[in-house]
PDB file of N, CA and C in Angstrom:
ATOM      1  N   MET A   1      28.748  14.752  -5.097  1.00  0.00           N
ATOM      2  CA  MET A   1      27.946  13.626  -4.701  1.00  0.00           C
ATOM      3  C   MET A   1      26.823  14.074  -3.768  1.00  0.00           C
ATOM      4  N   CYS A   2      27.133  14.859  -2.789  1.00  0.00           N
ATOM      5  CA  CYS A   2      26.117  15.336  -1.858  1.00  0.00           C
ATOM      6  C   CYS A   2      25.806  16.790  -2.142  1.00  0.00           C
ATOM      7  N   ASP A   3      24.542  17.109  -2.010  1.00  0.00           N
ATOM      8  CA  ASP A   3      24.150  18.499  -2.203  1.00  0.00           C
ATOM      9  C   ASP A   3      24.484  19.337  -0.979  1.00  0.00           C
ATOM     10  N   THR A   4      24.413  18.739   0.184  1.00  0.00           N
ATOM     11  CA  THR A   4      24.705  19.461   1.411  1.00  0.00           C
ATOM     12  C   THR A   4      26.124  19.149   1.857  1.00  0.00           C
ATOM     13  N   LEU A   5      26.621  19.934   2.776  1.00  0.00           N
ATOM     14  CA  LEU A   5      27.959  19.688   3.303  1.00  0.00           C
ATOM     15  C   LEU A   5      27.946  18.427   4.155  1.00  0.00           C
ATOM     16  N   PRO A   6      28.989  17.599   4.046  1.00  0.00           N
ATOM     17  CA  PRO A   6      29.024  16.372   4.848  1.00  0.00           C
ATOM     18  C   PRO A   6      29.217  16.679   6.326  1.00  0.00           C
ATOM     19  N   LYS A   7      28.586  15.897   7.160  1.00  0.00           N
ATOM     20  CA  LYS A   7      28.742  16.040   8.605  1.00  0.00           C
ATOM     21  C   LYS A   7      29.785  15.035   9.068  1.00  0.00           C
ATOM     22  N   LYS A   8      30.631  15.459   9.978  1.00  0.00           N
ATOM     23  CA  LYS A   8      31.648  14.554  10.511  1.00  0.00           C
ATOM     24  C   LYS A   8      31.203  14.054  11.876  1.00  0.00           C
ATOM     25  N   VAL A   9      31.315  12.754  12.045  1.00  0.00           N
ATOM     26  CA  VAL A   9      30.927  12.117  13.296  1.00  0.00           C
ATOM     27  C   VAL A   9      32.140  11.391  13.841  1.00  0.00           C
ATOM     28  N   SER A  10      32.428  11.579  15.102  1.00  0.00           N
ATOM     29  CA  SER A  10      33.564  10.897  15.728  1.00  0.00           C
ATOM     30  C   SER A  10      33.070   9.697  16.511  1.00  0.00           C
ATOM     31  N   ILE A  11      33.724   8.556  16.297  1.00  0.00           N
ATOM     32  CA  ILE A  11      33.387   7.330  17.010  1.00  0.00           C
ATOM     33  C   ILE A  11      34.631   6.871  17.748  1.00  0.00           C
ATOM     34  N   ALA A  12      34.521   6.760  19.062  1.00  0.00           N
ATOM     35  CA  ALA A  12      35.664   6.303  19.861  1.00  0.00           C
ATOM     36  C   ALA A  12      35.596   4.792  19.986  1.00  0.00           C
ATOM     37  N   ALA A  13      36.692   4.135  19.686  1.00  0.00           N
ATOM     38  CA  ALA A  13      36.744   2.671  19.785  1.00  0.00           C
ATOM     39  C   ALA A  13      37.906   2.289  20.685  1.00  0.00           C
ATOM     40  N   LEU A  14      37.700   1.280  21.483  1.00  0.00           N
ATOM     41  CA  LEU A  14      38.743   0.810  22.393  1.00  0.00           C
ATOM     42  C   LEU A  14      39.446  -0.371  21.751  1.00  0.00           C
ATOM     43  N   ARG A  15      40.725  -0.201  21.432  1.00  0.00           N
ATOM     44  CA  ARG A  15      41.494  -1.267  20.797  1.00  0.00           C
ATOM     45  C   ARG A  15      42.852  -1.362  21.482  1.00  0.00           C
ATOM     46  N   LYS A  16      43.123  -2.515  22.068  1.00  0.00           N
ATOM     47  CA  LYS A  16      44.389  -2.784  22.763  1.00  0.00           C
ATOM     48  C   LYS A  16      44.686  -1.723  23.819  1.00  0.00           C
ATOM     49  N   GLY A  17      43.654  -1.307  24.546  1.00  0.00           N
ATOM     50  CA  GLY A  17      43.847  -0.357  25.634  1.00  0.00           C
ATOM     51  C   GLY A  17      44.019   1.083  25.205  1.00  0.00           C
ATOM     52  N   LYS A  18      43.917   1.382  23.910  1.00  0.00           N
ATOM     53  CA  LYS A  18      44.079   2.752  23.440  1.00  0.00           C
ATOM     54  C   LYS A  18      42.790   3.202  22.765  1.00  0.00           C
ATOM     55  N   ASN A  19      42.494   4.464  22.908  1.00  0.00           N
ATOM     56  CA  ASN A  19      41.315   5.018  22.250  1.00  0.00           C
ATOM     57  C   ASN A  19      41.691   5.492  20.854  1.00  0.00           C
ATOM     58  N   HIS A  20      41.045   4.928  19.861  1.00  0.00           N
ATOM     59  CA  HIS A  20      41.230   5.380  18.491  1.00  0.00           C
ATOM     60  C   HIS A  20      39.950   6.082  18.070  1.00  0.00           C
ATOM     61  N   VAL A  21      40.087   7.230  17.482  1.00  0.00           N
ATOM     62  CA  VAL A  21      38.916   7.989  17.053  1.00  0.00           C
ATOM     63  C   VAL A  21      38.843   7.930  15.542  1.00  0.00           C
ATOM     64  N   PHE A  22      37.715   7.461  15.055  1.00  0.00           N
ATOM     65  CA  PHE A  22      37.493   7.389  13.616  1.00  0.00           C
ATOM     66  C   PHE A  22      36.469   8.449  13.247  1.00  0.00           C
ATOM     67  N   SER A  23      36.664   9.094  12.120  1.00  0.00           N
ATOM     68  CA  SER A  23      35.674  10.068  11.668  1.00  0.00           C
ATOM     69  C   SER A  23      34.990   9.542  10.419  1.00  0.00           C
ATOM     70  N   LEU A  24      33.692   9.627  10.419  1.00  0.00           N
ATOM     71  CA  LEU A  24      32.897   9.202   9.274  1.00  0.00           C
ATOM     72  C   LEU A  24      32.193  10.415   8.700  1.00  0.00           C
ATOM     73  N   GLU A  25      32.126  10.463   7.400  1.00  0.00           N
ATOM     74  CA  GLU A  25      31.379  11.534   6.758  1.00  0.00           C
ATOM     75  C   GLU A  25      30.016  10.990   6.373  1.00  0.00           C
ATOM     76  N   LEU A  26      28.983  11.597   6.948  1.00  0.00           N
ATOM     77  CA  LEU A  26      27.627  11.166   6.652  1.00  0.00           C
ATOM     78  C   LEU A  26      26.986  12.163   5.701  1.00  0.00           C
ATOM     79  N   CYS A  27      26.361  11.645   4.702  1.00  0.00           N
ATOM     80  CA  CYS A  27      25.729  12.454   3.682  1.00  0.00           C
ATOM     81  C   CYS A  27      24.230  12.485   3.907  1.00  0.00           C
ATOM     82  N   GLN A  28      23.657  13.642   3.844  1.00  0.00           N
ATOM     83  CA  GLN A  28      22.203  13.760   3.925  1.00  0.00           C
ATOM     84  C   GLN A  28      21.650  13.699   2.508  1.00  0.00           C
ATOM     85  N   ASN A  29      21.799  12.546   1.879  1.00  0.00           N
ATOM     86  CA  ASN A  29      21.392  12.412   0.478  1.00  0.00           C
ATOM     87  C   ASN A  29      20.341  11.327   0.365  1.00  0.00           C
ATOM     88  N   ARG A  30      19.314  11.579  -0.389  1.00  0.00           N
ATOM     89  CA  ARG A  30      18.231  10.617  -0.555  1.00  0.00           C
ATOM     90  C   ARG A  30      18.718   9.398  -1.343  1.00  0.00           C
ATOM     91  N   GLN A  31      19.677   9.573  -2.219  1.00  0.00           N
ATOM     92  CA  GLN A  31      20.181   8.470  -3.030  1.00  0.00           C
ATOM     93  C   GLN A  31      20.806   7.387  -2.144  1.00  0.00           C
ATOM     94  N   LEU A  32      21.446   7.781  -1.061  1.00  0.00           N
ATOM     95  CA  LEU A  32      22.031   6.823  -0.128  1.00  0.00           C
ATOM     96  C   LEU A  32      20.936   5.972   0.501  1.00  0.00           C
ATOM     97  N   TYR A  33      19.808   6.596   0.847  1.00  0.00           N
ATOM     98  CA  TYR A  33      18.684   5.869   1.440  1.00  0.00           C
ATOM     99  C   TYR A  33      18.103   4.878   0.444  1.00  0.00           C
ATOM    100  N   VAL A  34      17.939   5.296  -0.801  1.00  0.00           N
ATOM    101  CA  VAL A  34      17.375   4.416  -1.824  1.00  0.00           C
ATOM    102  C   VAL A  34      18.293   3.222  -2.053  1.00  0.00           C
ATOM    103  N   THR A  35      19.601   3.449  -2.090  1.00  0.00           N
ATOM    104  CA  THR A  35      20.553   2.359  -2.306  1.00  0.00           C
ATOM    105  C   THR A  35      20.512   1.359  -1.158  1.00  0.00           C
ATOM    106  N   SER A  36      20.470   1.840   0.069  1.00  0.00           N
ATOM    107  CA  SER A  36      20.417   0.923   1.208  1.00  0.00           C
ATOM    108  C   SER A  36      19.096   0.169   1.235  1.00  0.00           C
ATOM    109  N   LYS A  37      18.024   0.822   0.818  1.00  0.00           N
ATOM    110  CA  LYS A  37      16.721   0.152   0.768  1.00  0.00           C
ATOM    111  C   LYS A  37      16.733  -0.946  -0.292  1.00  0.00           C
ATOM    112  N   GLN A  38      17.341  -0.681  -1.441  1.00  0.00           N
ATOM    113  CA  GLN A  38      17.432  -1.688  -2.495  1.00  0.00           C
ATOM    114  C   GLN A  38      18.283  -2.864  -2.038  1.00  0.00           C
ATOM    115  N   CYS A  39      19.356  -2.599  -1.327  1.00  0.00           N
ATOM    116  CA  CYS A  39      20.230  -3.661  -0.819  1.00  0.00           C
ATOM    117  C   CYS A  39      19.474  -4.522   0.185  1.00  0.00           C
ATOM    118  N   PHE A  40      18.688  -3.891   1.059  1.00  0.00           N
ATOM    119  CA  PHE A  40      17.902  -4.636   2.038  1.00  0.00           C
ATOM    120  C   PHE A  40      16.882  -5.529   1.341  1.00  0.00           C
ATOM    121  N   ILE A  41      16.197  -5.000   0.325  1.00  0.00           N
ATOM    122  CA  ILE A  41      15.201  -5.788  -0.412  1.00  0.00           C
ATOM    123  C   ILE A  41      15.873  -6.963  -1.109  1.00  0.00           C
ATOM    124  N   LEU A  42      17.036  -6.739  -1.708  1.00  0.00           N
ATOM    125  CA  LEU A  42      17.755  -7.813  -2.394  1.00  0.00           C
ATOM    126  C   LEU A  42      18.145  -8.921  -1.416  1.00  0.00           C
ATOM    127  N   LEU A  43      18.680  -8.546  -0.253  1.00  0.00           N
ATOM    128  CA  LEU A  43      19.057  -9.548   0.748  1.00  0.00           C
ATOM    129  C   LEU A  43      17.835 -10.280   1.284  1.00  0.00           C
ATOM    130  N   PHE A  44      16.738  -9.559   1.483  1.00  0.00           N
ATOM    131  CA  PHE A  44      15.507 -10.167   1.990  1.00  0.00           C
ATOM    132  C   PHE A  44      14.969 -11.189   0.998  1.00  0.00           C
ATOM    133  N   LEU A  45      14.951 -10.838  -0.290  1.00  0.00           N
ATOM    134  CA  LEU A  45      14.456 -11.762  -1.312  1.00  0.00           C
ATOM    135  C   LEU A  45      15.377 -12.973  -1.448  1.00  0.00           C
ATOM    136  N   ALA A  46      16.685 -12.743  -1.398  1.00  0.00           N
ATOM    137  CA  ALA A  46      17.634 -13.855  -1.519  1.00  0.00           C
ATOM    138  C   ALA A  46      17.485 -14.829  -0.354  1.00  0.00           C
ATOM    139  N   SER A  47      17.281 -14.308   0.849  1.00  0.00           N
ATOM    140  CA  SER A  47      17.123 -15.204   1.998  1.00  0.00           C
ATOM    141  C   SER A  47      15.818 -15.980   1.907  1.00  0.00           C
ATOM    142  N   ASN A  48      14.758 -15.351   1.404  1.00  0.00           N
ATOM    143  CA  ASN A  48      13.488 -16.064   1.244  1.00  0.00           C
ATOM    144  C   ASN A  48      13.600 -17.160   0.198  1.00  0.00           C
ATOM    145  N   ILE A  49      14.285 -16.890  -0.898  1.00  0.00           N
ATOM    146  CA  ILE A  49      14.461 -17.905  -1.942  1.00  0.00           C
ATOM    147  C   ILE A  49      15.250 -19.085  -1.388  1.00  0.00           C
ATOM    148  N   CYS A  50      16.275 -18.789  -0.605  1.00  0.00           N
ATOM    149  CA  CYS A  50      17.088 -19.851  -0.005  1.00  0.00           C
ATOM    150  C   CYS A  50      16.244 -20.694   0.947  1.00  0.00           C
ATOM    151  N   LEU A  51      15.438 -20.053   1.786  1.00  0.00           N
ATOM    152  CA  LEU A  51      14.599 -20.789   2.731  1.00  0.00           C
ATOM    153  C   LEU A  51      13.532 -21.609   2.021  1.00  0.00           C
ATOM    154  N   LEU A  52      12.975 -21.071   0.948  1.00  0.00           N
ATOM    155  CA  LEU A  52      11.932 -21.798   0.224  1.00  0.00           C
ATOM    156  C   LEU A  52      12.494 -22.978  -0.559  1.00  0.00           C
ATOM    157  N   SER A  53      13.766 -22.920  -0.928  1.00  0.00           N
ATOM    158  CA  SER A  53      14.348 -24.010  -1.711  1.00  0.00           C
ATOM    159  C   SER A  53      14.744 -25.207  -0.847  1.00  0.00           C
ATOM    160  N   ILE A  54      14.867 -25.035   0.463  1.00  0.00           N
ATOM    161  CA  ILE A  54      15.279 -26.136   1.351  1.00  0.00           C
ATOM    162  C   ILE A  54      14.293 -27.308   1.314  1.00  0.00           C
ATOM    163  N   PRO A  55      12.967 -27.095   1.435  1.00  0.00           N
ATOM    164  CA  PRO A  55      12.055 -28.255   1.378  1.00  0.00           C
ATOM    165  C   PRO A  55      12.116 -29.000   0.051  1.00  0.00           C
ATOM    166  N   PHE A  56      12.275 -28.287  -1.057  1.00  0.00           N
ATOM    167  CA  PHE A  56      12.363 -28.942  -2.359  1.00  0.00           C
ATOM    168  C   PHE A  56      13.630 -29.790  -2.452  1.00  0.00           C
ATOM    169  N   PHE A  57      14.721 -29.284  -1.888  1.00  0.00           N
ATOM    170  CA  PHE A  57      15.975 -30.033  -1.906  1.00  0.00           C
ATOM    171  C   PHE A  57      15.831 -31.341  -1.131  1.00  0.00           C
ATOM    172  N   TYR A  58      15.250 -31.254   0.061  1.00  0.00           N
ATOM    173  CA  TYR A  58      15.107 -32.465   0.875  1.00  0.00           C
ATOM    174  C   TYR A  58      14.077 -33.430   0.303  1.00  0.00           C
ATOM    175  N   SER A  59      13.003 -32.927  -0.314  1.00  0.00           N
ATOM    176  CA  SER A  59      12.012 -33.835  -0.897  1.00  0.00           C
ATOM    177  C   SER A  59      12.613 -34.556  -2.100  1.00  0.00           C
ATOM    178  N   HIS A  60      13.400 -33.854  -2.895  1.00  0.00           N
ATOM    179  CA  HIS A  60      14.045 -34.482  -4.051  1.00  0.00           C
ATOM    180  C   HIS A  60      15.066 -35.522  -3.585  1.00  0.00           C
ATOM    181  N   ARG A  61      15.793 -35.189  -2.538  1.00  0.00           N
ATOM    182  CA  ARG A  61      16.791 -36.105  -1.988  1.00  0.00           C
ATOM    183  C   ARG A  61      16.112 -37.347  -1.401  1.00  0.00           C
ATOM    184  N   GLY A  62      14.971 -37.165  -0.766  1.00  0.00           N
ATOM    185  CA  GLY A  62      14.242 -38.286  -0.197  1.00  0.00           C
ATOM    186  C   GLY A  62      13.712 -39.228  -1.263  1.00  0.00           C
ATOM    187  N   GLU A  63      13.296 -38.677  -2.409  1.00  0.00           N
ATOM    188  CA  GLU A  63      12.805 -39.527  -3.496  1.00  0.00           C
ATOM    189  C   GLU A  63      13.926 -40.394  -4.052  1.00  0.00           C
ATOM    190  N   LYS A  64      15.128 -39.865  -4.132  1.00  0.00           N
ATOM    191  CA  LYS A  64      16.261 -40.651  -4.629  1.00  0.00           C
ATOM    192  C   LYS A  64      16.570 -41.797  -3.676  1.00  0.00           C
ATOM    193  N   ASN A  65      16.495 -41.554  -2.380  1.00  0.00           N
ATOM    194  CA  ASN A  65      16.807 -42.595  -1.400  1.00  0.00           C
ATOM    195  C   ASN A  65      15.753 -43.700  -1.398  1.00  0.00           C
ATOM    196  N   ARG A  66      14.502 -43.386  -1.713  1.00  0.00           N
ATOM    197  CA  ARG A  66      13.452 -44.400  -1.737  1.00  0.00           C
ATOM    198  C   ARG A  66      13.628 -45.364  -2.903  1.00  0.00           C
ATOM    199  N   ASP A  67      14.192 -44.894  -4.013  1.00  0.00           N
ATOM    200  CA  ASP A  67      14.355 -45.735  -5.198  1.00  0.00           C
ATOM    201  C   ASP A  67      15.452 -46.775  -5.017  1.00  0.00           C
ATOM    202  N   ILE A  68      16.374 -46.528  -4.123  1.00  0.00           N
ATOM    203  CA  ILE A  68      17.516 -47.438  -3.960  1.00  0.00           C
ATOM    204  C   ILE A  68      17.130 -48.708  -3.275  1.00  0.00           C
TER     205      ILE A  68
END
């Protein structure tokens, strides 16, 4: 998966008064960057679509209430 050797990073977390050390393997791979960038773009577009649809929802709802 990675062309280079993975780097190990230790993260100390405090849980219930005890230190737990977790190790993460970080890859220096460009594919990981592209995937995270695509995920960010997808979330950004989805949030914009959701925000843009709110006025249409309320305007449509308001038209129904006026007819009653």
